Amino acid sequence: MSEQILLNEIIIGYRNLIEERYQYKILKEKYDFPQTINEEVVKDIKTYFLTYVYPDVEKRAELNEAFSTLDDFIKHPEKLLNLVLPCLKLIFTHGKHLPKIFNAGLKAMKSFRGATKFENAIVEKAIEENNEPPFTSQKINKLIQLLSYKELEEFMKNTETFFNIIHDKELVEKIKEIISFLISKMKNKPKIFSQKEISGLSLALETISKGEQMLNKLTLKDQEILIGFVLQIEKDYLQTIFSK
């Protein structure tokens, strides 16, 4: 069985785990949600995860090339930074903070790419263990138990980093401005930047923007509460697996 088929099956299985994990009635019994964190809010976070962080197999196939360009930008940030630094408007607006904002944007991209890395790590364990579909929740949990502490720690760190960035409204607006600027510059240099590379940044911009829109339905205080709950739910999920 090919690695791609295994990945597709594990994507399906892990999406089912997200569906199970973010059932409002179950979470409401386990956690002390305030009234403002209601069923609609939990549904929004689940939908966001399933649309942008753990997209379905068909959508993932469309995004794979875009994802690969983000990896290249993360490994070689100078490719984009060289487009940003000569812009007098951005320098005037953001001054000495421009490189810091740029790096925060790269960090956001890296953090939501962490979900894909996590799924790939599960695939590697499935291959090592000669596991085959269907990948039930129980089978995926057993594969996650085989991952190293470093892999799990990185997964949680990426999740926390991404939500903390999109929670910072001022920073997000600056990141969106810079990514939009980069996309426009790249479109004007078709001999240097491919459509695939432009799609990669467009994906990052959409993911950040939609995350911001989701959080903006709540007050700043409730945003903090929601992010805290999401991180706690993910930590508790992993602890439950390893306590079995």
Protein backbone atom coordinates (compact mmCIF):
# COMPACT_ATOMS: atom_id res chain seq x y z
CA MET A 1 0.00 0.00 0.00
CA SER A 2 1.42 3.39 -0.99
CA GLU A 3 2.35 6.06 1.55
CA GLN A 4 -0.16 8.45 -0.06
CA ILE A 5 -3.04 5.99 0.43
CA LEU A 6 -2.00 5.54 4.06
CA LEU A 7 -1.89 9.32 4.53
CA ASN A 8 -5.36 9.71 3.00
CA GLU A 9 -6.80 7.07 5.33
CA ILE A 10 -5.12 8.59 8.38
CA ILE A 11 -6.41 12.05 7.40
CA ILE A 12 -9.93 10.59 7.39
CA GLY A 13 -9.36 8.87 10.73
CA TYR A 14 -7.88 11.93 12.43
CA ARG A 15 -10.69 14.16 11.15
CA ASN A 16 -13.11 11.73 12.80
CA LEU A 17 -11.17 12.19 16.04
CA ILE A 18 -11.61 15.97 15.78
CA GLU A 19 -15.34 15.45 15.24
CA GLU A 20 -15.46 13.28 18.36
CA ARG A 21 -13.29 15.60 20.44
CA TYR A 22 -15.28 18.76 19.75
CA GLN A 23 -18.78 17.62 20.64
CA TYR A 24 -20.26 20.49 22.62
CA LYS A 25 -22.45 18.42 24.96
CA ILE A 26 -19.53 16.21 25.99
CA LEU A 27 -17.16 19.17 26.44
CA LYS A 28 -19.77 21.10 28.42
CA GLU A 29 -19.92 18.30 30.97
CA LYS A 30 -16.15 18.08 31.27
CA TYR A 31 -15.16 21.76 31.25
CA ASP A 32 -16.54 24.78 33.03
CA PHE A 33 -17.54 26.75 29.94
CA PRO A 34 -18.95 30.22 30.53
CA GLN A 35 -22.26 30.98 28.79
CA THR A 36 -20.42 32.88 26.07
CA ILE A 37 -18.58 29.70 24.96
CA ASN A 38 -21.72 28.10 23.60
CA GLU A 39 -22.47 25.38 21.07
CA GLU A 40 -22.07 27.75 18.12
CA VAL A 41 -18.59 28.80 19.28
CA VAL A 42 -17.47 25.17 19.66
CA LYS A 43 -18.91 24.38 16.23
CA ASP A 44 -16.96 27.32 14.76
CA ILE A 45 -13.64 26.10 16.17
CA LYS A 46 -14.33 22.54 14.99
CA THR A 47 -15.24 23.78 11.50
CA TYR A 48 -12.07 25.88 11.41
CA PHE A 49 -9.93 22.89 12.33
CA LEU A 50 -11.58 20.68 9.71
CA THR A 51 -11.44 23.33 6.97
CA TYR A 52 -8.02 24.90 7.42
CA VAL A 53 -5.92 22.81 9.80
CA TYR A 54 -7.05 19.26 8.97
CA PRO A 55 -8.78 19.60 5.55
CA ASP A 56 -10.36 16.55 3.92
CA VAL A 57 -8.50 14.34 1.46
CA GLU A 58 -9.84 16.08 -1.64
CA LYS A 59 -9.01 19.56 -0.33
CA ARG A 60 -5.62 18.40 0.94
CA ALA A 61 -4.72 17.16 -2.54
CA GLU A 62 -5.44 20.65 -3.90
CA LEU A 63 -3.34 22.28 -1.18
CA ASN A 64 -0.30 19.98 -1.21
CA GLU A 65 1.63 22.07 -3.73
CA ALA A 66 0.78 25.26 -1.91
CA PHE A 67 1.92 23.68 1.36
CA SER A 68 5.26 22.73 -0.18
CA THR A 69 5.97 26.34 -1.19
CA LEU A 70 5.29 27.49 2.36
CA ASP A 71 7.92 25.03 3.56
CA ASP A 72 10.38 26.56 1.11
CA PHE A 73 9.59 30.10 2.28
CA ILE A 74 9.96 29.05 5.92
CA LYS A 75 13.38 27.47 5.21
CA HIS A 76 14.52 30.39 3.03
CA PRO A 77 12.82 33.55 4.39
CA GLU A 78 15.25 35.82 2.55
CA LYS A 79 13.37 35.03 -0.67
CA LEU A 80 10.40 37.00 0.64
CA LEU A 81 12.23 39.41 2.93
CA ASN A 82 14.10 40.81 -0.09
CA LEU A 83 10.73 41.87 -1.51
CA VAL A 84 9.63 43.56 1.70
CA LEU A 85 12.69 45.55 2.79
CA PRO A 86 12.90 47.90 -0.25
CA CYS A 87 9.27 49.00 0.23
CA LEU A 88 9.37 52.57 1.58
CA LYS A 89 5.68 52.50 2.49
CA LEU A 90 6.09 49.44 4.76
CA ILE A 91 9.28 50.83 6.27
CA PHE A 92 7.57 54.16 6.96
CA THR A 93 4.54 52.41 8.48
CA HIS A 94 6.31 49.77 10.56
CA GLY A 95 9.89 51.05 10.81
CA LYS A 96 12.33 48.87 12.73
CA HIS A 97 9.51 46.47 13.62
CA LEU A 98 9.12 45.30 10.01
CA PRO A 99 11.48 42.27 10.27
CA LYS A 100 9.79 41.27 13.55
CA ILE A 101 6.33 41.38 11.93
CA PHE A 102 7.64 39.48 8.91
CA ASN A 103 9.07 36.76 11.18
CA ALA A 104 5.78 36.54 13.10
CA GLY A 105 4.04 35.86 9.78
CA LEU A 106 6.51 33.09 9.00
CA LYS A 107 5.99 31.67 12.49
CA ALA A 108 2.22 31.60 11.91
CA MET A 109 2.72 29.73 8.63
CA LYS A 110 5.08 27.27 10.27
CA SER A 111 2.71 26.63 13.15
CA PHE A 112 -0.35 25.71 11.07
CA ARG A 113 1.89 23.57 8.86
CA GLY A 114 2.69 21.65 12.04
CA ALA A 115 -0.62 19.77 11.76
CA THR A 116 0.48 18.25 8.45
CA LYS A 117 3.83 17.29 9.97
CA PHE A 118 1.98 15.62 12.84
CA GLU A 119 -0.15 13.55 10.43
CA ASN A 120 2.95 12.56 8.45
CA ALA A 121 4.59 11.36 11.68
CA ILE A 122 1.56 9.13 12.32
CA VAL A 123 1.88 7.74 8.77
CA GLU A 124 5.54 6.86 9.43
CA LYS A 125 4.52 4.93 12.54
CA ALA A 126 1.77 3.14 10.60
CA ILE A 127 4.38 2.03 8.04
CA GLU A 128 6.78 0.88 10.78
CA GLU A 129 4.00 -1.10 12.48
CA ASN A 130 2.64 -2.49 9.17
CA ASN A 131 -0.77 -1.05 10.03
CA GLU A 132 -3.42 -0.91 7.34
CA PRO A 133 -6.82 0.82 7.00
CA PRO A 134 -9.38 1.32 8.27
CA PHE A 135 -7.84 3.64 10.84
CA THR A 136 -10.30 3.73 13.69
CA SER A 137 -9.95 6.22 16.54
CA GLN A 138 -8.46 3.48 18.69
CA LYS A 139 -5.88 2.56 16.06
CA ILE A 140 -4.81 6.17 15.51
CA ASN A 141 -4.52 6.71 19.26
CA LYS A 142 -2.19 3.71 19.48
CA LEU A 143 -0.03 5.14 16.69
CA ILE A 144 0.12 8.50 18.48
CA GLN A 145 1.35 6.66 21.59
CA LEU A 146 4.39 5.62 19.54
CA LEU A 147 5.40 9.19 18.72
CA SER A 148 8.29 10.77 20.59
CA TYR A 149 7.79 13.34 23.33
CA LYS A 150 9.58 15.87 21.10
CA GLU A 151 7.06 15.36 18.28
CA LEU A 152 4.10 15.77 20.62
CA GLU A 153 5.64 18.81 22.31
CA GLU A 154 6.23 20.45 18.91
CA PHE A 155 2.62 19.74 17.89
CA MET A 156 1.26 21.42 21.03
CA LYS A 157 3.69 24.32 20.72
CA ASN A 158 2.62 24.94 17.10
CA THR A 159 -1.05 24.91 18.09
CA GLU A 160 -0.46 27.40 20.90
CA THR A 161 1.74 29.66 18.76
CA PHE A 162 -0.79 29.90 15.95
CA PHE A 163 -3.73 30.76 18.19
CA ASN A 164 -1.71 33.30 20.15
CA ILE A 165 -0.71 35.04 16.91
CA ILE A 166 -4.22 35.26 15.45
CA HIS A 167 -5.48 36.45 18.85
CA ASP A 168 -3.18 39.49 18.62
CA LYS A 169 -5.42 41.69 16.49
CA GLU A 170 -2.84 44.43 15.90
CA LEU A 171 -0.16 41.93 14.89
CA VAL A 172 -2.55 40.03 12.61
CA GLU A 173 -3.47 43.19 10.72
CA LYS A 174 0.22 43.91 10.12
CA ILE A 175 0.92 40.33 9.04
CA LYS A 176 -2.02 40.41 6.63
CA GLU A 177 -0.79 43.71 5.19
CA ILE A 178 2.68 42.30 4.57
CA ILE A 179 1.44 39.01 3.08
CA SER A 180 -0.96 40.91 0.79
CA PHE A 181 1.94 43.13 -0.28
CA LEU A 182 4.11 40.08 -1.00
CA ILE A 183 1.37 38.46 -3.10
CA SER A 184 0.95 41.63 -5.20
CA LYS A 185 4.72 41.92 -5.71
CA MET A 186 5.02 38.25 -6.69
CA LYS A 187 2.20 38.59 -9.23
CA ASN A 188 4.22 41.38 -10.86
CA LYS A 189 7.25 39.09 -11.17
CA PRO A 190 5.87 35.99 -12.98
CA LYS A 191 9.31 35.06 -14.30
CA ILE A 192 10.65 34.81 -10.76
CA PHE A 193 7.63 33.59 -8.74
CA SER A 194 5.36 30.78 -9.88
CA GLN A 195 1.60 30.57 -9.45
CA LYS A 196 2.23 27.73 -7.02
CA GLU A 197 4.27 30.04 -4.79
CA ILE A 198 1.59 32.73 -4.94
CA SER A 199 -1.03 30.10 -4.00
CA GLY A 200 1.06 29.14 -0.98
CA LEU A 201 1.03 32.66 0.42
CA SER A 202 -2.64 33.09 -0.50
CA LEU A 203 -3.39 29.96 1.53
CA ALA A 204 -1.49 31.38 4.51
CA LEU A 205 -3.38 34.67 4.23
CA GLU A 206 -6.75 32.91 4.07
CA THR A 207 -5.96 30.66 7.02
CA ILE A 208 -4.87 33.58 9.20
CA SER A 209 -7.79 35.77 8.08
CA LYS A 210 -10.43 33.11 8.69
CA GLY A 211 -8.96 32.35 12.11
CA GLU A 212 -9.11 36.03 12.97
CA GLN A 213 -12.73 36.25 11.75
CA MET A 214 -13.67 33.29 13.91
CA LEU A 215 -12.16 34.83 17.04
CA ASN A 216 -13.58 38.28 16.30
CA LYS A 217 -17.08 36.98 17.00
CA LEU A 218 -16.02 37.00 20.66
CA THR A 219 -14.79 39.66 23.05
CA LEU A 220 -11.04 39.75 23.69
CA LYS A 221 -11.62 38.14 27.09
CA ASP A 222 -13.69 35.33 25.61
CA GLN A 223 -11.09 34.83 22.90
CA GLU A 224 -8.51 34.20 25.62
CA ILE A 225 -10.90 31.82 27.36
CA LEU A 226 -11.61 29.91 24.14
CA ILE A 227 -7.92 29.57 23.25
CA GLY A 228 -7.22 28.35 26.78
CA PHE A 229 -9.95 25.72 26.46
CA VAL A 230 -8.73 24.56 23.04
CA LEU A 231 -5.19 24.09 24.34
CA GLN A 232 -6.50 22.30 27.43
CA ILE A 233 -8.73 20.01 25.32
CA GLU A 234 -5.77 19.06 23.13
CA LYS A 235 -3.48 18.46 26.14
CA ASP A 236 -6.15 16.40 27.91
CA TYR A 237 -6.67 14.35 24.74
CA LEU A 238 -2.99 13.42 24.61
CA GLN A 239 -2.85 12.72 28.35
CA THR A 240 -5.87 10.42 28.03
CA ILE A 241 -4.13 8.44 25.28
CA PHE A 242 -0.98 7.95 27.31
CA SER A 243 -2.81 7.06 30.51
CA LYS A 244 -4.37 3.98 28.88
